[in-house]
Amino acid sequence: MTERKIMLRLDEVRDFVATASQCDFDIDIFYNRYSVDAKSILGVLGLDLRQPLTVRCNGYSEEFDSYLNRFAMAS
């Protein structure tokens, strides 16, 4: 299981969800006490996109990991 902090803009959500949906493992996004499925566009749009989000992947895909680098925040 890996976790990454990201920032998403509204115009990036559709592409993010489409890319996450191609993975064959669970991906969740957290903000405070809210947790949603990263493969759900309505779930992701329901989050406060002005805040840093935590993505938790219950598997690994090199392609998805490199895709997440676009949105990654400095640690």
PDB file of N, CA and C in Angstrom:
ATOM      1  N   MET A   1       0.855  -1.173   0.000  1.00  0.00           N
ATOM      2  CA  MET A   1       0.000   0.000   0.000  1.00  0.00           C
ATOM      3  C   MET A   1       0.900   1.236   0.000  1.00  0.00           C
ATOM      4  N   THR A   2       0.619   2.163  -0.888  1.00  0.00           N
ATOM      5  CA  THR A   2       1.389   3.398  -0.948  1.00  0.00           C
ATOM      6  C   THR A   2       0.464   4.591  -0.804  1.00  0.00           C
ATOM      7  N   GLU A   3       0.993   5.663  -0.255  1.00  0.00           N
ATOM      8  CA  GLU A   3       0.233   6.904  -0.093  1.00  0.00           C
ATOM      9  C   GLU A   3       1.022   8.049  -0.690  1.00  0.00           C
ATOM     10  N   ARG A   4       0.313   8.967  -1.357  1.00  0.00           N
ATOM     11  CA  ARG A   4       0.929  10.153  -1.947  1.00  0.00           C
ATOM     12  C   ARG A   4       0.026  11.347  -1.681  1.00  0.00           C
ATOM     13  N   LYS A   5       0.621  12.480  -1.411  1.00  0.00           N
ATOM     14  CA  LYS A   5      -0.112  13.745  -1.277  1.00  0.00           C
ATOM     15  C   LYS A   5      -0.145  14.410  -2.649  1.00  0.00           C
ATOM     16  N   ILE A   6      -1.343  14.822  -3.069  1.00  0.00           N
ATOM     17  CA  ILE A   6      -1.482  15.466  -4.373  1.00  0.00           C
ATOM     18  C   ILE A   6      -2.388  16.688  -4.263  1.00  0.00           C
ATOM     19  N   MET A   7      -2.331  17.502  -5.296  1.00  0.00           N
ATOM     20  CA  MET A   7      -3.271  18.608  -5.486  1.00  0.00           C
ATOM     21  C   MET A   7      -3.880  18.428  -6.869  1.00  0.00           C
ATOM     22  N   LEU A   8      -5.202  18.465  -6.943  1.00  0.00           N
ATOM     23  CA  LEU A   8      -5.914  18.343  -8.209  1.00  0.00           C
ATOM     24  C   LEU A   8      -6.683  19.620  -8.489  1.00  0.00           C
ATOM     25  N   ARG A   9      -6.702  20.016  -9.757  1.00  0.00           N
ATOM     26  CA  ARG A   9      -7.565  21.118 -10.181  1.00  0.00           C
ATOM     27  C   ARG A   9      -8.831  20.511 -10.777  1.00  0.00           C
ATOM     28  N   LEU A  10      -9.874  21.297 -10.818  1.00  0.00           N
ATOM     29  CA  LEU A  10     -11.158  20.827 -11.333  1.00  0.00           C
ATOM     30  C   LEU A  10     -11.030  20.277 -12.752  1.00  0.00           C
ATOM     31  N   ASP A  11     -10.248  20.921 -13.595  1.00  0.00           N
ATOM     32  CA  ASP A  11     -10.120  20.482 -14.981  1.00  0.00           C
ATOM     33  C   ASP A  11      -9.284  19.205 -15.132  1.00  0.00           C
ATOM     34  N   GLU A  12      -8.657  18.733 -14.070  1.00  0.00           N
ATOM     35  CA  GLU A  12      -7.838  17.525 -14.120  1.00  0.00           C
ATOM     36  C   GLU A  12      -8.570  16.286 -13.601  1.00  0.00           C
ATOM     37  N   VAL A  13      -9.735  16.483 -12.994  1.00  0.00           N
ATOM     38  CA  VAL A  13     -10.429  15.382 -12.326  1.00  0.00           C
ATOM     39  C   VAL A  13     -10.836  14.280 -13.303  1.00  0.00           C
ATOM     40  N   ARG A  14     -11.410  14.636 -14.440  1.00  0.00           N
ATOM     41  CA  ARG A  14     -11.894  13.608 -15.376  1.00  0.00           C
ATOM     42  C   ARG A  14     -10.740  12.714 -15.846  1.00  0.00           C
ATOM     43  N   ASP A  15      -9.615  13.312 -16.203  1.00  0.00           N
ATOM     44  CA  ASP A  15      -8.465  12.536 -16.651  1.00  0.00           C
ATOM     45  C   ASP A  15      -7.899  11.678 -15.520  1.00  0.00           C
ATOM     46  N   PHE A  16      -7.871  12.234 -14.301  1.00  0.00           N
ATOM     47  CA  PHE A  16      -7.379  11.483 -13.142  1.00  0.00           C
ATOM     48  C   PHE A  16      -8.239  10.247 -12.904  1.00  0.00           C
ATOM     49  N   VAL A  17      -9.563  10.409 -12.909  1.00  0.00           N
ATOM     50  CA  VAL A  17     -10.475   9.290 -12.658  1.00  0.00           C
ATOM     51  C   VAL A  17     -10.347   8.244 -13.771  1.00  0.00           C
ATOM     52  N   ALA A  18     -10.249   8.694 -15.014  1.00  0.00           N
ATOM     53  CA  ALA A  18     -10.108   7.756 -16.137  1.00  0.00           C
ATOM     54  C   ALA A  18      -8.815   6.946 -16.008  1.00  0.00           C
ATOM     55  N   THR A  19      -7.748   7.588 -15.612  1.00  0.00           N
ATOM     56  CA  THR A  19      -6.462   6.895 -15.452  1.00  0.00           C
ATOM     57  C   THR A  19      -6.514   5.930 -14.269  1.00  0.00           C
ATOM     58  N   ALA A  20      -7.117   6.348 -13.165  1.00  0.00           N
ATOM     59  CA  ALA A  20      -7.260   5.471 -11.995  1.00  0.00           C
ATOM     60  C   ALA A  20      -8.121   4.259 -12.330  1.00  0.00           C
ATOM     61  N   SER A  21      -9.130   4.445 -13.151  1.00  0.00           N
ATOM     62  CA  SER A  21     -10.037   3.354 -13.512  1.00  0.00           C
ATOM     63  C   SER A  21      -9.352   2.261 -14.318  1.00  0.00           C
ATOM     64  N   GLN A  22      -8.232   2.559 -14.921  1.00  0.00           N
ATOM     65  CA  GLN A  22      -7.498   1.560 -15.695  1.00  0.00           C
ATOM     66  C   GLN A  22      -6.700   0.610 -14.803  1.00  0.00           C
ATOM     67  N   CYS A  23      -6.555   0.948 -13.531  1.00  0.00           N
ATOM     68  CA  CYS A  23      -5.810   0.104 -12.600  1.00  0.00           C
ATOM     69  C   CYS A  23      -6.710  -1.007 -12.076  1.00  0.00           C
ATOM     70  N   ASP A  24      -6.138  -2.186 -11.851  1.00  0.00           N
ATOM     71  CA  ASP A  24      -6.926  -3.330 -11.384  1.00  0.00           C
ATOM     72  C   ASP A  24      -6.866  -3.504  -9.861  1.00  0.00           C
ATOM     73  N   PHE A  25      -6.555  -2.440  -9.144  1.00  0.00           N
ATOM     74  CA  PHE A  25      -6.518  -2.470  -7.679  1.00  0.00           C
ATOM     75  C   PHE A  25      -7.274  -1.255  -7.152  1.00  0.00           C
ATOM     76  N   ASP A  26      -7.604  -1.294  -5.862  1.00  0.00           N
ATOM     77  CA  ASP A  26      -8.356  -0.199  -5.247  1.00  0.00           C
ATOM     78  C   ASP A  26      -7.480   1.031  -5.062  1.00  0.00           C
ATOM     79  N   ILE A  27      -8.071   2.194  -5.348  1.00  0.00           N
ATOM     80  CA  ILE A  27      -7.403   3.472  -5.128  1.00  0.00           C
ATOM     81  C   ILE A  27      -8.406   4.369  -4.421  1.00  0.00           C
ATOM     82  N   ASP A  28      -8.020   4.904  -3.284  1.00  0.00           N
ATOM     83  CA  ASP A  28      -8.888   5.783  -2.508  1.00  0.00           C
ATOM     84  C   ASP A  28      -8.240   7.149  -2.368  1.00  0.00           C
ATOM     85  N   ILE A  29      -9.075   8.167  -2.195  1.00  0.00           N
ATOM     86  CA  ILE A  29      -8.595   9.531  -1.947  1.00  0.00           C
ATOM     87  C   ILE A  29      -9.192   9.997  -0.638  1.00  0.00           C
ATOM     88  N   PHE A  30      -8.344  10.596   0.191  1.00  0.00           N
ATOM     89  CA  PHE A  30      -8.756  11.066   1.513  1.00  0.00           C
ATOM     90  C   PHE A  30      -8.546  12.564   1.652  1.00  0.00           C
ATOM     91  N   TYR A  31      -9.465  13.177   2.355  1.00  0.00           N
ATOM     92  CA  TYR A  31      -9.297  14.555   2.807  1.00  0.00           C
ATOM     93  C   TYR A  31     -10.002  14.654   4.150  1.00  0.00           C
ATOM     94  N   ASN A  32      -9.246  14.989   5.205  1.00  0.00           N
ATOM     95  CA  ASN A  32      -9.774  15.000   6.575  1.00  0.00           C
ATOM     96  C   ASN A  32     -10.434  13.662   6.859  1.00  0.00           C
ATOM     97  N   ARG A  33     -11.704  13.645   7.159  1.00  0.00           N
ATOM     98  CA  ARG A  33     -12.370  12.387   7.490  1.00  0.00           C
ATOM     99  C   ARG A  33     -13.110  11.784   6.305  1.00  0.00           C
ATOM    100  N   TYR A  34     -13.050  12.421   5.157  1.00  0.00           N
ATOM    101  CA  TYR A  34     -13.739  11.941   3.962  1.00  0.00           C
ATOM    102  C   TYR A  34     -12.837  11.027   3.149  1.00  0.00           C
ATOM    103  N   SER A  35     -13.389   9.913   2.721  1.00  0.00           N
ATOM    104  CA  SER A  35     -12.672   8.956   1.892  1.00  0.00           C
ATOM    105  C   SER A  35     -13.575   8.573   0.734  1.00  0.00           C
ATOM    106  N   VAL A  36     -13.045   8.651  -0.487  1.00  0.00           N
ATOM    107  CA  VAL A  36     -13.840   8.281  -1.657  1.00  0.00           C
ATOM    108  C   VAL A  36     -13.018   7.383  -2.571  1.00  0.00           C
ATOM    109  N   ASP A  37     -13.718   6.664  -3.413  1.00  0.00           N
ATOM    110  CA  ASP A  37     -13.098   5.828  -4.428  1.00  0.00           C
ATOM    111  C   ASP A  37     -12.545   6.740  -5.524  1.00  0.00           C
ATOM    112  N   ALA A  38     -11.274   6.602  -5.849  1.00  0.00           N
ATOM    113  CA  ALA A  38     -10.653   7.453  -6.864  1.00  0.00           C
ATOM    114  C   ALA A  38     -11.183   7.166  -8.259  1.00  0.00           C
ATOM    115  N   LYS A  39     -11.925   6.079  -8.417  1.00  0.00           N
ATOM    116  CA  LYS A  39     -12.493   5.728  -9.719  1.00  0.00           C
ATOM    117  C   LYS A  39     -13.900   6.282  -9.892  1.00  0.00           C
ATOM    118  N   SER A  40     -14.359   7.068  -8.923  1.00  0.00           N
ATOM    119  CA  SER A  40     -15.688   7.672  -8.957  1.00  0.00           C
ATOM    120  C   SER A  40     -15.566   9.177  -9.199  1.00  0.00           C
ATOM    121  N   ILE A  41     -16.019   9.612 -10.351  1.00  0.00           N
ATOM    122  CA  ILE A  41     -15.899  11.046 -10.663  1.00  0.00           C
ATOM    123  C   ILE A  41     -16.745  11.884  -9.713  1.00  0.00           C
ATOM    124  N   LEU A  42     -17.926  11.407  -9.345  1.00  0.00           N
ATOM    125  CA  LEU A  42     -18.758  12.164  -8.405  1.00  0.00           C
ATOM    126  C   LEU A  42     -18.114  12.219  -7.024  1.00  0.00           C
ATOM    127  N   GLY A  43     -17.494  11.124  -6.618  1.00  0.00           N
ATOM    128  CA  GLY A  43     -16.814  11.110  -5.330  1.00  0.00           C
ATOM    129  C   GLY A  43     -15.664  12.102  -5.278  1.00  0.00           C
ATOM    130  N   VAL A  44     -14.846  12.112  -6.310  1.00  0.00           N
ATOM    131  CA  VAL A  44     -13.690  13.019  -6.347  1.00  0.00           C
ATOM    132  C   VAL A  44     -14.150  14.466  -6.436  1.00  0.00           C
ATOM    133  N   LEU A  45     -15.189  14.722  -7.237  1.00  0.00           N
ATOM    134  CA  LEU A  45     -15.700  16.095  -7.349  1.00  0.00           C
ATOM    135  C   LEU A  45     -16.324  16.582  -6.039  1.00  0.00           C
ATOM    136  N   GLY A  46     -16.733  15.660  -5.177  1.00  0.00           N
ATOM    137  CA  GLY A  46     -17.312  16.020  -3.890  1.00  0.00           C
ATOM    138  C   GLY A  46     -16.284  16.456  -2.858  1.00  0.00           C
ATOM    139  N   LEU A  47     -15.006  16.234  -3.141  1.00  0.00           N
ATOM    140  CA  LEU A  47     -13.945  16.633  -2.214  1.00  0.00           C
ATOM    141  C   LEU A  47     -13.597  18.106  -2.403  1.00  0.00           C
ATOM    142  N   ASP A  48     -12.984  18.682  -1.402  1.00  0.00           N
ATOM    143  CA  ASP A  48     -12.515  20.067  -1.480  1.00  0.00           C
ATOM    144  C   ASP A  48     -11.191  20.074  -2.231  1.00  0.00           C
ATOM    145  N   LEU A  49     -11.244  20.420  -3.511  1.00  0.00           N
ATOM    146  CA  LEU A  49     -10.050  20.360  -4.355  1.00  0.00           C
ATOM    147  C   LEU A  49      -9.058  21.487  -4.087  1.00  0.00           C
ATOM    148  N   ARG A  50      -9.416  22.392  -3.189  1.00  0.00           N
ATOM    149  CA  ARG A  50      -8.482  23.463  -2.820  1.00  0.00           C
ATOM    150  C   ARG A  50      -7.490  22.996  -1.769  1.00  0.00           C
ATOM    151  N   GLN A  51      -7.718  21.814  -1.232  1.00  0.00           N
ATOM    152  CA  GLN A  51      -6.879  21.279  -0.160  1.00  0.00           C
ATOM    153  C   GLN A  51      -6.032  20.110  -0.673  1.00  0.00           C
ATOM    154  N   PRO A  52      -4.911  19.839  -0.011  1.00  0.00           N
ATOM    155  CA  PRO A  52      -4.114  18.651  -0.378  1.00  0.00           C
ATOM    156  C   PRO A  52      -4.913  17.380  -0.122  1.00  0.00           C
ATOM    157  N   LEU A  53      -4.811  16.443  -1.036  1.00  0.00           N
ATOM    158  CA  LEU A  53      -5.515  15.170  -0.931  1.00  0.00           C
ATOM    159  C   LEU A  53      -4.485  14.053  -0.778  1.00  0.00           C
ATOM    160  N   THR A  54      -4.867  12.999  -0.098  1.00  0.00           N
ATOM    161  CA  THR A  54      -4.004  11.831   0.051  1.00  0.00           C
ATOM    162  C   THR A  54      -4.569  10.705  -0.797  1.00  0.00           C
ATOM    163  N   VAL A  55      -3.739  10.164  -1.678  1.00  0.00           N
ATOM    164  CA  VAL A  55      -4.135   9.036  -2.526  1.00  0.00           C
ATOM    165  C   VAL A  55      -3.508   7.782  -1.941  1.00  0.00           C
ATOM    166  N   ARG A  56      -4.329   6.769  -1.705  1.00  0.00           N
ATOM    167  CA  ARG A  56      -3.837   5.489  -1.182  1.00  0.00           C
ATOM    168  C   ARG A  56      -4.103   4.408  -2.222  1.00  0.00           C
ATOM    169  N   CYS A  57      -3.040   3.784  -2.681  1.00  0.00           N
ATOM    170  CA  CYS A  57      -3.133   2.718  -3.683  1.00  0.00           C
ATOM    171  C   CYS A  57      -2.908   1.379  -3.001  1.00  0.00           C
ATOM    172  N   ASN A  58      -3.819   0.441  -3.213  1.00  0.00           N
ATOM    173  CA  ASN A  58      -3.691  -0.899  -2.642  1.00  0.00           C
ATOM    174  C   ASN A  58      -3.107  -1.862  -3.666  1.00  0.00           C
ATOM    175  N   GLY A  59      -2.154  -1.386  -4.411  1.00  0.00           N
ATOM    176  CA  GLY A  59      -1.464  -2.147  -5.436  1.00  0.00           C
ATOM    177  C   GLY A  59      -0.433  -1.226  -6.062  1.00  0.00           C
ATOM    178  N   TYR A  60       0.217  -1.701  -7.111  1.00  0.00           N
ATOM    179  CA  TYR A  60       1.230  -0.866  -7.743  1.00  0.00           C
ATOM    180  C   TYR A  60       1.139  -0.968  -9.253  1.00  0.00           C
ATOM    181  N   SER A  61       1.217   0.172  -9.891  1.00  0.00           N
ATOM    182  CA  SER A  61       1.316   0.263 -11.342  1.00  0.00           C
ATOM    183  C   SER A  61       2.343   1.346 -11.640  1.00  0.00           C
ATOM    184  N   GLU A  62       3.381   0.989 -12.363  1.00  0.00           N
ATOM    185  CA  GLU A  62       4.420   1.961 -12.678  1.00  0.00           C
ATOM    186  C   GLU A  62       3.845   3.142 -13.460  1.00  0.00           C
ATOM    187  N   GLU A  63       2.898   2.855 -14.372  1.00  0.00           N
ATOM    188  CA  GLU A  63       2.298   3.914 -15.176  1.00  0.00           C
ATOM    189  C   GLU A  63       1.499   4.884 -14.302  1.00  0.00           C
ATOM    190  N   PHE A  64       0.688   4.330 -13.380  1.00  0.00           N
ATOM    191  CA  PHE A  64      -0.114   5.195 -12.518  1.00  0.00           C
ATOM    192  C   PHE A  64       0.775   5.971 -11.554  1.00  0.00           C
ATOM    193  N   ASP A  65       1.827   5.329 -11.054  1.00  0.00           N
ATOM    194  CA  ASP A  65       2.751   6.009 -10.146  1.00  0.00           C
ATOM    195  C   ASP A  65       3.415   7.202 -10.839  1.00  0.00           C
ATOM    196  N   SER A  66       3.849   7.022 -12.073  1.00  0.00           N
ATOM    197  CA  SER A  66       4.462   8.137 -12.789  1.00  0.00           C
ATOM    198  C   SER A  66       3.419   9.199 -13.134  1.00  0.00           C
ATOM    199  N   TYR A  67       2.171   8.789 -13.379  1.00  0.00           N
ATOM    200  CA  TYR A  67       1.085   9.747 -13.625  1.00  0.00           C
ATOM    201  C   TYR A  67       0.845  10.609 -12.377  1.00  0.00           C
ATOM    202  N   LEU A  68       0.889   9.995 -11.194  1.00  0.00           N
ATOM    203  CA  LEU A  68       0.677  10.730  -9.940  1.00  0.00           C
ATOM    204  C   LEU A  68       1.756  11.785  -9.713  1.00  0.00           C
ATOM    205  N   ASN A  69       2.936  11.594 -10.279  1.00  0.00           N
ATOM    206  CA  ASN A  69       4.009  12.567 -10.107  1.00  0.00           C
ATOM    207  C   ASN A  69       3.615  13.958 -10.611  1.00  0.00           C
ATOM    208  N   ARG A  70       2.705  14.028 -11.569  1.00  0.00           N
ATOM    209  CA  ARG A  70       2.218  15.312 -12.065  1.00  0.00           C
ATOM    210  C   ARG A  70       1.571  16.169 -10.966  1.00  0.00           C
ATOM    211  N   PHE A  71       0.913  15.477 -10.050  1.00  0.00           N
ATOM    212  CA  PHE A  71       0.110  16.152  -9.037  1.00  0.00           C
ATOM    213  C   PHE A  71       0.750  16.132  -7.659  1.00  0.00           C
ATOM    214  N   ALA A  72       1.893  15.470  -7.520  1.00  0.00           N
ATOM    215  CA  ALA A  72       2.517  15.265  -6.214  1.00  0.00           C
ATOM    216  C   ALA A  72       2.956  16.583  -5.579  1.00  0.00           C
ATOM    217  N   MET A  73       2.820  16.609  -4.274  1.00  0.00           N
ATOM    218  CA  MET A  73       3.272  17.753  -3.485  1.00  0.00           C
ATOM    219  C   MET A  73       4.634  17.419  -2.898  1.00  0.00           C
ATOM    220  N   ALA A  74       5.427  18.418  -2.655  1.00  0.00           N
ATOM    221  CA  ALA A  74       6.721  18.203  -2.014  1.00  0.00           C
ATOM    222  C   ALA A  74       6.518  17.710  -0.594  1.00  0.00           C
ATOM    223  N   SER A  75       7.311  16.756  -0.197  1.00  0.00           N
ATOM    224  CA  SER A  75       7.166  16.172   1.145  1.00  0.00           C
ATOM    225  C   SER A  75       7.880  17.005   2.172  1.00  0.00           C
TER     226      SER A  75
END
